[in-house]
Amino acid sequence: MDAVRIGLQVLLVIAGLFLTLLILLHKGKGGGVSDMFGGGLSTSMSSSSVAERNLTRITIMMALIWATAVVGIGLIDRFNT
């Protein structure tokens, strides 16, 4: 079980870092703190490009991998005696 736990922990760290990078790549939607610092000045935010949709899909998949790793580590901790 230790090898599985270590594997899940490595997966969790890698997925967390990659998920952070993917989230930072997204365009700002405005209406928040980003407007204070000039984030609301970008043009034509209503149309979503193919790249933005693919980035969203990859982000969702990475979030699911991250959540699965968290649940897996939790289950190993719970049932490890």
PDB file of N, CA and C in Angstrom:
ATOM      1  N   MET A   1       0.809  -1.200   0.000  1.00  0.00           N
ATOM      2  CA  MET A   1       0.000   0.000   0.000  1.00  0.00           C
ATOM      3  C   MET A   1       0.853   1.265   0.000  1.00  0.00           C
ATOM      4  N   ASP A   2       2.082   1.150   0.506  1.00  0.00           N
ATOM      5  CA  ASP A   2       2.930   2.335   0.555  1.00  0.00           C
ATOM      6  C   ASP A   2       3.288   2.833  -0.839  1.00  0.00           C
ATOM      7  N   ALA A   3       3.494   1.910  -1.779  1.00  0.00           N
ATOM      8  CA  ALA A   3       3.825   2.317  -3.148  1.00  0.00           C
ATOM      9  C   ALA A   3       2.648   3.031  -3.803  1.00  0.00           C
ATOM     10  N   VAL A   4       1.447   2.561  -3.553  1.00  0.00           N
ATOM     11  CA  VAL A   4       0.251   3.204  -4.118  1.00  0.00           C
ATOM     12  C   VAL A   4       0.072   4.588  -3.513  1.00  0.00           C
ATOM     13  N   ARG A   5       0.290   4.686  -2.211  1.00  0.00           N
ATOM     14  CA  ARG A   5       0.151   5.976  -1.537  1.00  0.00           C
ATOM     15  C   ARG A   5       1.179   6.987  -2.059  1.00  0.00           C
ATOM     16  N   ILE A   6       2.419   6.543  -2.207  1.00  0.00           N
ATOM     17  CA  ILE A   6       3.459   7.430  -2.726  1.00  0.00           C
ATOM     18  C   ILE A   6       3.136   7.835  -4.159  1.00  0.00           C
ATOM     19  N   GLY A   7       2.653   6.889  -4.959  1.00  0.00           N
ATOM     20  CA  GLY A   7       2.264   7.203  -6.333  1.00  0.00           C
ATOM     21  C   GLY A   7       1.140   8.225  -6.387  1.00  0.00           C
ATOM     22  N   LEU A   8       0.159   8.077  -5.512  1.00  0.00           N
ATOM     23  CA  LEU A   8      -0.947   9.031  -5.472  1.00  0.00           C
ATOM     24  C   LEU A   8      -0.492  10.402  -4.981  1.00  0.00           C
ATOM     25  N   GLN A   9       0.446  10.432  -4.048  1.00  0.00           N
ATOM     26  CA  GLN A   9       0.962  11.706  -3.570  1.00  0.00           C
ATOM     27  C   GLN A   9       1.744  12.434  -4.660  1.00  0.00           C
ATOM     28  N   VAL A  10       2.535  11.692  -5.427  1.00  0.00           N
ATOM     29  CA  VAL A  10       3.267  12.298  -6.535  1.00  0.00           C
ATOM     30  C   VAL A  10       2.284  12.816  -7.580  1.00  0.00           C
ATOM     31  N   LEU A  11       1.268  12.010  -7.891  1.00  0.00           N
ATOM     32  CA  LEU A  11       0.237  12.424  -8.841  1.00  0.00           C
ATOM     33  C   LEU A  11      -0.485  13.671  -8.349  1.00  0.00           C
ATOM     34  N   LEU A  12      -0.749  13.743  -7.059  1.00  0.00           N
ATOM     35  CA  LEU A  12      -1.437  14.887  -6.475  1.00  0.00           C
ATOM     36  C   LEU A  12      -0.607  16.165  -6.620  1.00  0.00           C
ATOM     37  N   VAL A  13       0.682  16.083  -6.362  1.00  0.00           N
ATOM     38  CA  VAL A  13       1.544  17.260  -6.473  1.00  0.00           C
ATOM     39  C   VAL A  13       1.655  17.714  -7.926  1.00  0.00           C
ATOM     40  N   ILE A  14       1.883  16.764  -8.831  1.00  0.00           N
ATOM     41  CA  ILE A  14       2.017  17.111 -10.247  1.00  0.00           C
ATOM     42  C   ILE A  14       0.709  17.685 -10.780  1.00  0.00           C
ATOM     43  N   ALA A  15      -0.412  17.054 -10.449  1.00  0.00           N
ATOM     44  CA  ALA A  15      -1.711  17.551 -10.908  1.00  0.00           C
ATOM     45  C   ALA A  15      -2.018  18.921 -10.315  1.00  0.00           C
ATOM     46  N   GLY A  16      -1.652  19.147  -9.058  1.00  0.00           N
ATOM     47  CA  GLY A  16      -1.880  20.448  -8.432  1.00  0.00           C
ATOM     48  C   GLY A  16      -1.092  21.560  -9.102  1.00  0.00           C
ATOM     49  N   LEU A  17       0.169  21.288  -9.408  1.00  0.00           N
ATOM     50  CA  LEU A  17       0.989  22.293 -10.083  1.00  0.00           C
ATOM     51  C   LEU A  17       0.480  22.574 -11.494  1.00  0.00           C
ATOM     52  N   PHE A  18       0.145  21.503 -12.213  1.00  0.00           N
ATOM     53  CA  PHE A  18      -0.353  21.663 -13.570  1.00  0.00           C
ATOM     54  C   PHE A  18      -1.713  22.362 -13.576  1.00  0.00           C
ATOM     55  N   LEU A  19      -2.552  22.054 -12.592  1.00  0.00           N
ATOM     56  CA  LEU A  19      -3.861  22.695 -12.483  1.00  0.00           C
ATOM     57  C   LEU A  19      -3.712  24.190 -12.203  1.00  0.00           C
ATOM     58  N   THR A  20      -2.768  24.551 -11.362  1.00  0.00           N
ATOM     59  CA  THR A  20      -2.503  25.965 -11.097  1.00  0.00           C
ATOM     60  C   THR A  20      -2.075  26.686 -12.367  1.00  0.00           C
ATOM     61  N   LEU A  21      -1.186  26.071 -13.125  1.00  0.00           N
ATOM     62  CA  LEU A  21      -0.734  26.651 -14.384  1.00  0.00           C
ATOM     63  C   LEU A  21      -1.893  26.817 -15.358  1.00  0.00           C
ATOM     64  N   LEU A  22      -2.751  25.803 -15.474  1.00  0.00           N
ATOM     65  CA  LEU A  22      -3.883  25.883 -16.392  1.00  0.00           C
ATOM     66  C   LEU A  22      -4.865  26.980 -15.989  1.00  0.00           C
ATOM     67  N   ILE A  23      -5.114  27.117 -14.704  1.00  0.00           N
ATOM     68  CA  ILE A  23      -6.037  28.149 -14.236  1.00  0.00           C
ATOM     69  C   ILE A  23      -5.483  29.542 -14.538  1.00  0.00           C
ATOM     70  N   LEU A  24      -4.172  29.707 -14.379  1.00  0.00           N
ATOM     71  CA  LEU A  24      -3.573  31.004 -14.665  1.00  0.00           C
ATOM     72  C   LEU A  24      -3.571  31.333 -16.152  1.00  0.00           C
ATOM     73  N   LEU A  25      -3.678  30.328 -17.019  1.00  0.00           N
ATOM     74  CA  LEU A  25      -3.703  30.564 -18.458  1.00  0.00           C
ATOM     75  C   LEU A  25      -5.058  31.060 -18.958  1.00  0.00           C
ATOM     76  N   HIS A  26      -6.112  30.861 -18.164  1.00  0.00           N
ATOM     77  CA  HIS A  26      -7.445  31.278 -18.586  1.00  0.00           C
ATOM     78  C   HIS A  26      -7.559  32.794 -18.676  1.00  0.00           C
ATOM     79  N   LYS A  27      -8.441  33.242 -19.562  1.00  0.00           N
ATOM     80  CA  LYS A  27      -8.732  34.675 -19.660  1.00  0.00           C
ATOM     81  C   LYS A  27      -9.562  35.096 -18.458  1.00  0.00           C
ATOM     82  N   GLY A  28      -9.363  36.331 -18.026  1.00  0.00           N
ATOM     83  CA  GLY A  28     -10.171  36.862 -16.941  1.00  0.00           C
ATOM     84  C   GLY A  28     -11.566  37.175 -17.433  1.00  0.00           C
ATOM     85  N   LYS A  29     -12.557  36.946 -16.609  1.00  0.00           N
ATOM     86  CA  LYS A  29     -13.946  37.199 -17.003  1.00  0.00           C
ATOM     87  C   LYS A  29     -14.419  38.581 -16.576  1.00  0.00           C
ATOM     88  N   GLY A  30     -13.651  39.272 -15.771  1.00  0.00           N
ATOM     89  CA  GLY A  30     -14.013  40.621 -15.343  1.00  0.00           C
ATOM     90  C   GLY A  30     -14.976  40.614 -14.173  1.00  0.00           C
ATOM     91  N   GLY A  31     -15.228  41.790 -13.650  1.00  0.00           N
ATOM     92  CA  GLY A  31     -16.185  41.921 -12.565  1.00  0.00           C
ATOM     93  C   GLY A  31     -15.596  41.640 -11.197  1.00  0.00           C
ATOM     94  N   GLY A  32     -14.301  41.474 -11.110  1.00  0.00           N
ATOM     95  CA  GLY A  32     -13.701  41.171  -9.821  1.00  0.00           C
ATOM     96  C   GLY A  32     -12.513  42.053  -9.547  1.00  0.00           C
ATOM     97  N   VAL A  33     -11.580  41.520  -8.803  1.00  0.00           N
ATOM     98  CA  VAL A  33     -10.390  42.262  -8.429  1.00  0.00           C
ATOM     99  C   VAL A  33      -9.544  42.566  -9.665  1.00  0.00           C
ATOM    100  N   SER A  34      -9.645  41.720 -10.695  1.00  0.00           N
ATOM    101  CA  SER A  34      -8.836  41.943 -11.899  1.00  0.00           C
ATOM    102  C   SER A  34      -9.199  43.263 -12.585  1.00  0.00           C
ATOM    103  N   ASP A  35     -10.421  43.749 -12.423  1.00  0.00           N
ATOM    104  CA  ASP A  35     -10.820  45.034 -13.004  1.00  0.00           C
ATOM    105  C   ASP A  35     -10.066  46.202 -12.369  1.00  0.00           C
ATOM    106  N   MET A  36      -9.721  46.070 -11.104  1.00  0.00           N
ATOM    107  CA  MET A  36      -8.991  47.138 -10.426  1.00  0.00           C
ATOM    108  C   MET A  36      -7.612  47.349 -11.029  1.00  0.00           C
ATOM    109  N   PHE A  37      -7.014  46.279 -11.506  1.00  0.00           N
ATOM    110  CA  PHE A  37      -5.648  46.339 -12.007  1.00  0.00           C
ATOM    111  C   PHE A  37      -5.579  46.330 -13.526  1.00  0.00           C
ATOM    112  N   GLY A  38      -6.657  46.679 -14.194  1.00  0.00           N
ATOM    113  CA  GLY A  38      -6.637  46.781 -15.641  1.00  0.00           C
ATOM    114  C   GLY A  38      -7.048  45.522 -16.364  1.00  0.00           C
ATOM    115  N   GLY A  39      -7.522  44.527 -15.653  1.00  0.00           N
ATOM    116  CA  GLY A  39      -7.934  43.285 -16.299  1.00  0.00           C
ATOM    117  C   GLY A  39      -9.208  43.430 -17.098  1.00  0.00           C
ATOM    118  N   GLY A  40      -9.975  44.452 -16.858  1.00  0.00           N
ATOM    119  CA  GLY A  40     -11.224  44.644 -17.571  1.00  0.00           C
ATOM    120  C   GLY A  40     -11.067  45.367 -18.892  1.00  0.00           C
ATOM    121  N   LEU A  41      -9.843  45.659 -19.304  1.00  0.00           N
ATOM    122  CA  LEU A  41      -9.612  46.419 -20.518  1.00  0.00           C
ATOM    123  C   LEU A  41      -9.483  45.545 -21.761  1.00  0.00           C
ATOM    124  N   SER A  42      -9.523  44.225 -21.608  1.00  0.00           N
ATOM    125  CA  SER A  42      -9.370  43.358 -22.770  1.00  0.00           C
ATOM    126  C   SER A  42     -10.621  43.398 -23.638  1.00  0.00           C
ATOM    127  N   THR A  43     -10.453  43.096 -24.906  1.00  0.00           N
ATOM    128  CA  THR A  43     -11.525  43.252 -25.875  1.00  0.00           C
ATOM    129  C   THR A  43     -12.178  41.930 -26.211  1.00  0.00           C
ATOM    130  N   SER A  44     -13.436  41.992 -26.553  1.00  0.00           N
ATOM    131  CA  SER A  44     -14.212  40.867 -27.091  1.00  0.00           C
ATOM    132  C   SER A  44     -14.111  39.611 -26.226  1.00  0.00           C
ATOM    133  N   MET A  45     -14.550  39.724 -24.990  1.00  0.00           N
ATOM    134  CA  MET A  45     -14.475  38.586 -24.086  1.00  0.00           C
ATOM    135  C   MET A  45     -15.673  37.659 -24.238  1.00  0.00           C
ATOM    136  N   SER A  46     -16.694  38.061 -24.963  1.00  0.00           N
ATOM    137  CA  SER A  46     -17.898  37.259 -25.033  1.00  0.00           C
ATOM    138  C   SER A  46     -17.722  36.034 -25.919  1.00  0.00           C
ATOM    139  N   SER A  47     -16.892  36.098 -26.944  1.00  0.00           N
ATOM    140  CA  SER A  47     -16.716  34.953 -27.821  1.00  0.00           C
ATOM    141  C   SER A  47     -15.625  34.046 -27.275  1.00  0.00           C
ATOM    142  N   SER A  48     -15.914  32.759 -27.263  1.00  0.00           N
ATOM    143  CA  SER A  48     -14.971  31.787 -26.747  1.00  0.00           C
ATOM    144  C   SER A  48     -14.290  31.089 -27.913  1.00  0.00           C
ATOM    145  N   SER A  49     -12.981  31.110 -27.930  1.00  0.00           N
ATOM    146  CA  SER A  49     -12.252  30.479 -29.013  1.00  0.00           C
ATOM    147  C   SER A  49     -12.114  28.981 -28.758  1.00  0.00           C
ATOM    148  N   VAL A  50     -11.668  28.282 -29.773  1.00  0.00           N
ATOM    149  CA  VAL A  50     -11.458  26.844 -29.658  1.00  0.00           C
ATOM    150  C   VAL A  50     -10.379  26.558 -28.624  1.00  0.00           C
ATOM    151  N   ALA A  51      -9.346  27.381 -28.611  1.00  0.00           N
ATOM    152  CA  ALA A  51      -8.265  27.185 -27.643  1.00  0.00           C
ATOM    153  C   ALA A  51      -8.772  27.354 -26.209  1.00  0.00           C
ATOM    154  N   GLU A  52      -9.637  28.335 -25.992  1.00  0.00           N
ATOM    155  CA  GLU A  52     -10.172  28.553 -24.643  1.00  0.00           C
ATOM    156  C   GLU A  52     -11.059  27.386 -24.211  1.00  0.00           C
ATOM    157  N   ARG A  53     -11.862  26.876 -25.136  1.00  0.00           N
ATOM    158  CA  ARG A  53     -12.709  25.720 -24.801  1.00  0.00           C
ATOM    159  C   ARG A  53     -11.867  24.487 -24.499  1.00  0.00           C
ATOM    160  N   ASN A  54     -10.807  24.262 -25.290  1.00  0.00           N
ATOM    161  CA  ASN A  54      -9.934  23.122 -25.030  1.00  0.00           C
ATOM    162  C   ASN A  54      -9.197  23.290 -23.707  1.00  0.00           C
ATOM    163  N   LEU A  55      -8.784  24.504 -23.397  1.00  0.00           N
ATOM    164  CA  LEU A  55      -8.128  24.778 -22.127  1.00  0.00           C
ATOM    165  C   LEU A  55      -9.080  24.494 -20.962  1.00  0.00           C
ATOM    166  N   THR A  56     -10.338  24.845 -21.133  1.00  0.00           N
ATOM    167  CA  THR A  56     -11.336  24.561 -20.096  1.00  0.00           C
ATOM    168  C   THR A  56     -11.514  23.060 -19.912  1.00  0.00           C
ATOM    169  N   ARG A  57     -11.580  22.326 -21.006  1.00  0.00           N
ATOM    170  CA  ARG A  57     -11.730  20.862 -20.923  1.00  0.00           C
ATOM    171  C   ARG A  57     -10.536  20.224 -20.231  1.00  0.00           C
ATOM    172  N   ILE A  58      -9.334  20.650 -20.592  1.00  0.00           N
ATOM    173  CA  ILE A  58      -8.129  20.094 -19.972  1.00  0.00           C
ATOM    174  C   ILE A  58      -8.082  20.438 -18.488  1.00  0.00           C
ATOM    175  N   THR A  59      -8.513  21.647 -18.139  1.00  0.00           N
ATOM    176  CA  THR A  59      -8.544  22.056 -16.735  1.00  0.00           C
ATOM    177  C   THR A  59      -9.518  21.199 -15.940  1.00  0.00           C
ATOM    178  N   ILE A  60     -10.671  20.920 -16.509  1.00  0.00           N
ATOM    179  CA  ILE A  60     -11.662  20.077 -15.824  1.00  0.00           C
ATOM    180  C   ILE A  60     -11.130  18.664 -15.647  1.00  0.00           C
ATOM    181  N   MET A  61     -10.493  18.117 -16.682  1.00  0.00           N
ATOM    182  CA  MET A  61      -9.927  16.770 -16.568  1.00  0.00           C
ATOM    183  C   MET A  61      -8.835  16.723 -15.505  1.00  0.00           C
ATOM    184  N   MET A  62      -7.995  17.758 -15.455  1.00  0.00           N
ATOM    185  CA  MET A  62      -6.932  17.794 -14.459  1.00  0.00           C
ATOM    186  C   MET A  62      -7.515  17.934 -13.055  1.00  0.00           C
ATOM    187  N   ALA A  63      -8.594  18.696 -12.912  1.00  0.00           N
ATOM    188  CA  ALA A  63      -9.246  18.831 -11.605  1.00  0.00           C
ATOM    189  C   ALA A  63      -9.843  17.491 -11.160  1.00  0.00           C
ATOM    190  N   LEU A  64     -10.376  16.731 -12.100  1.00  0.00           N
ATOM    191  CA  LEU A  64     -10.912  15.408 -11.757  1.00  0.00           C
ATOM    192  C   LEU A  64      -9.799  14.450 -11.336  1.00  0.00           C
ATOM    193  N   ILE A  65      -8.660  14.512 -12.017  1.00  0.00           N
ATOM    194  CA  ILE A  65      -7.517  13.684 -11.628  1.00  0.00           C
ATOM    195  C   ILE A  65      -7.039  14.067 -10.239  1.00  0.00           C
ATOM    196  N   TRP A  66      -6.962  15.380  -9.965  1.00  0.00           N
ATOM    197  CA  TRP A  66      -6.543  15.859  -8.653  1.00  0.00           C
ATOM    198  C   TRP A  66      -7.507  15.381  -7.564  1.00  0.00           C
ATOM    199  N   ALA A  67      -8.809  15.519  -7.821  1.00  0.00           N
ATOM    200  CA  ALA A  67      -9.816  15.113  -6.828  1.00  0.00           C
ATOM    201  C   ALA A  67      -9.779  13.602  -6.600  1.00  0.00           C
ATOM    202  N   THR A  68      -9.557  12.833  -7.654  1.00  0.00           N
ATOM    203  CA  THR A  68      -9.464  11.382  -7.519  1.00  0.00           C
ATOM    204  C   THR A  68      -8.258  10.988  -6.673  1.00  0.00           C
ATOM    205  N   ALA A  69      -7.151  11.679  -6.864  1.00  0.00           N
ATOM    206  CA  ALA A  69      -5.962  11.404  -6.052  1.00  0.00           C
ATOM    207  C   ALA A  69      -6.214  11.737  -4.588  1.00  0.00           C
ATOM    208  N   VAL A  70      -6.906  12.825  -4.329  1.00  0.00           N
ATOM    209  CA  VAL A  70      -7.228  13.208  -2.944  1.00  0.00           C
ATOM    210  C   VAL A  70      -8.114  12.144  -2.294  1.00  0.00           C
ATOM    211  N   VAL A  71      -9.139  11.709  -3.015  1.00  0.00           N
ATOM    212  CA  VAL A  71     -10.048  10.687  -2.479  1.00  0.00           C
ATOM    213  C   VAL A  71      -9.292   9.371  -2.266  1.00  0.00           C
ATOM    214  N   GLY A  72      -8.425   9.015  -3.215  1.00  0.00           N
ATOM    215  CA  GLY A  72      -7.646   7.784  -3.074  1.00  0.00           C
ATOM    216  C   GLY A  72      -6.744   7.810  -1.858  1.00  0.00           C
ATOM    217  N   ILE A  73      -6.062   8.922  -1.628  1.00  0.00           N
ATOM    218  CA  ILE A  73      -5.213   9.037  -0.444  1.00  0.00           C
ATOM    219  C   ILE A  73      -6.055   8.979   0.825  1.00  0.00           C
ATOM    220  N   GLY A  74      -7.213   9.613   0.794  1.00  0.00           N
ATOM    221  CA  GLY A  74      -8.110   9.563   1.957  1.00  0.00           C
ATOM    222  C   GLY A  74      -8.589   8.156   2.258  1.00  0.00           C
ATOM    223  N   LEU A  75      -8.923   7.393   1.207  1.00  0.00           N
ATOM    224  CA  LEU A  75      -9.360   6.010   1.415  1.00  0.00           C
ATOM    225  C   LEU A  75      -8.234   5.136   1.948  1.00  0.00           C
ATOM    226  N   ILE A  76      -7.029   5.341   1.447  1.00  0.00           N
ATOM    227  CA  ILE A  76      -5.891   4.571   1.946  1.00  0.00           C
ATOM    228  C   ILE A  76      -5.643   4.891   3.412  1.00  0.00           C
ATOM    229  N   ASP A  77      -5.731   6.163   3.782  1.00  0.00           N
ATOM    230  CA  ASP A  77      -5.537   6.553   5.182  1.00  0.00           C
ATOM    231  C   ASP A  77      -6.626   5.974   6.073  1.00  0.00           C
ATOM    232  N   ARG A  78      -7.841   5.947   5.568  1.00  0.00           N
ATOM    233  CA  ARG A  78      -8.958   5.475   6.386  1.00  0.00           C
ATOM    234  C   ARG A  78      -8.878   3.983   6.653  1.00  0.00           C
ATOM    235  N   PHE A  79      -8.517   3.201   5.639  1.00  0.00           N
ATOM    236  CA  PHE A  79      -8.559   1.752   5.779  1.00  0.00           C
ATOM    237  C   PHE A  79      -7.199   1.129   6.051  1.00  0.00           C
ATOM    238  N   ASN A  80      -6.168   1.938   6.219  1.00  0.00           N
ATOM    239  CA  ASN A  80      -4.853   1.418   6.550  1.00  0.00           C
ATOM    240  C   ASN A  80      -4.784   1.171   8.054  1.00  0.00           C
ATOM    241  N   THR A  81      -4.482  -0.042   8.433  1.00  0.00           N
ATOM    242  CA  THR A  81      -4.428  -0.367   9.860  1.00  0.00           C
ATOM    243  C   THR A  81      -3.066  -0.751  10.321  1.00  0.00           C
TER     244      THR A  81
END
